[in-house]
């Protein structure tokens, strides 16, 4: 009776074990064989440029403070504030009556001195006077000549003219005002062409050259990109900042750019027309090694070590490790391992990574 009781139990345990093995077999057989769905895009060739962001200052092509060159009474002001004036235009005229009278007096004295000197020359030639008398007459004539030149210059200084074409600033004097030499009259700026000045760090100087193009923005016109050309690189660095003064010219026909504006610059250092570029999500960093998952012709993932160059907005330049057209995984990287089968997502999934 005891033997009959154990036989059914043993049979039941055996059948249960067989059933378990049958149910587990399919899972074991399929372990790691399912394809991982990923999004992949081709490595593409495109032009890339290396730029350095700097802050510069806009300055006029020419800018001066116009000062009085003589003492006197302001007789005429020949400009309006903010007016464009041409080179040689009258800006300020002082009362000239006294200066004109002084010039006439010195010119009369010069004429007398010249006549006297002419007679002395004849007498000296005939050896009728001494060399000392001749020298005195010659010196008197030269002194009168210098006096006339001085009075003519003072009379000329009574009329202040524009040394170059430009735009006048605020007027600082009024008609009838008595001014002295070096009194500020106004400012004059030339904005037809402006300059951008910036300090370029020492490490970038080897890549800056005359004729190089730069782009910048100013706060007044944030949506406008202004372009200039480098024309000056300082031969000496600032010892405090270790930067070199670099200047660029920008044509400014509409006068929108004003002296003193801050310029946010992008100075292009390098340009490569056919660089190989991949999206940043494809990059896998593992310590000092940078890799990507590429897709083989048999839809298998293979990990490739790459060397990166420039970092762009959402992209990176690949210097070595890939060729143009190779498919790299940009979504699903975390689920992959080398040799894993993959299934590519549809074209709509790659839309965010297209140019």
Foldseek 3Di string as FASTA:
>chain_A
DVVVVVVVVVVVVVVVVVVVCVVCVVVVVCPQVDAAEFAKDFWFWFKDFDWDKFKWFKAFPDKDFDWQAFWAAWADAQDDAFDWDFFFAWGTAGDCVVLVVQLVVLVVQLVVLVVVLVVVVVCVVVVNDDPVVNVVSVVSNVVSVVSNVVSVVNSVSRTDTHNGIFTWHDADDDGGDTDGGGHGGTMGGHHQKMKIKTWAAPVLVVQDDFQFKKWWAFPVCRPDIFIWTWHDWAPDADPVRNTIITMTMGGDRPSPDDGGTMITMIGTRDMDGTFTKDFPLQWDDDPPWIWGWWADPQQFTAIWTWDWDDDDDRMTTTDDTDDGGIMTTNGPPVVDDGGRHHDYDDPVVCVVGDD
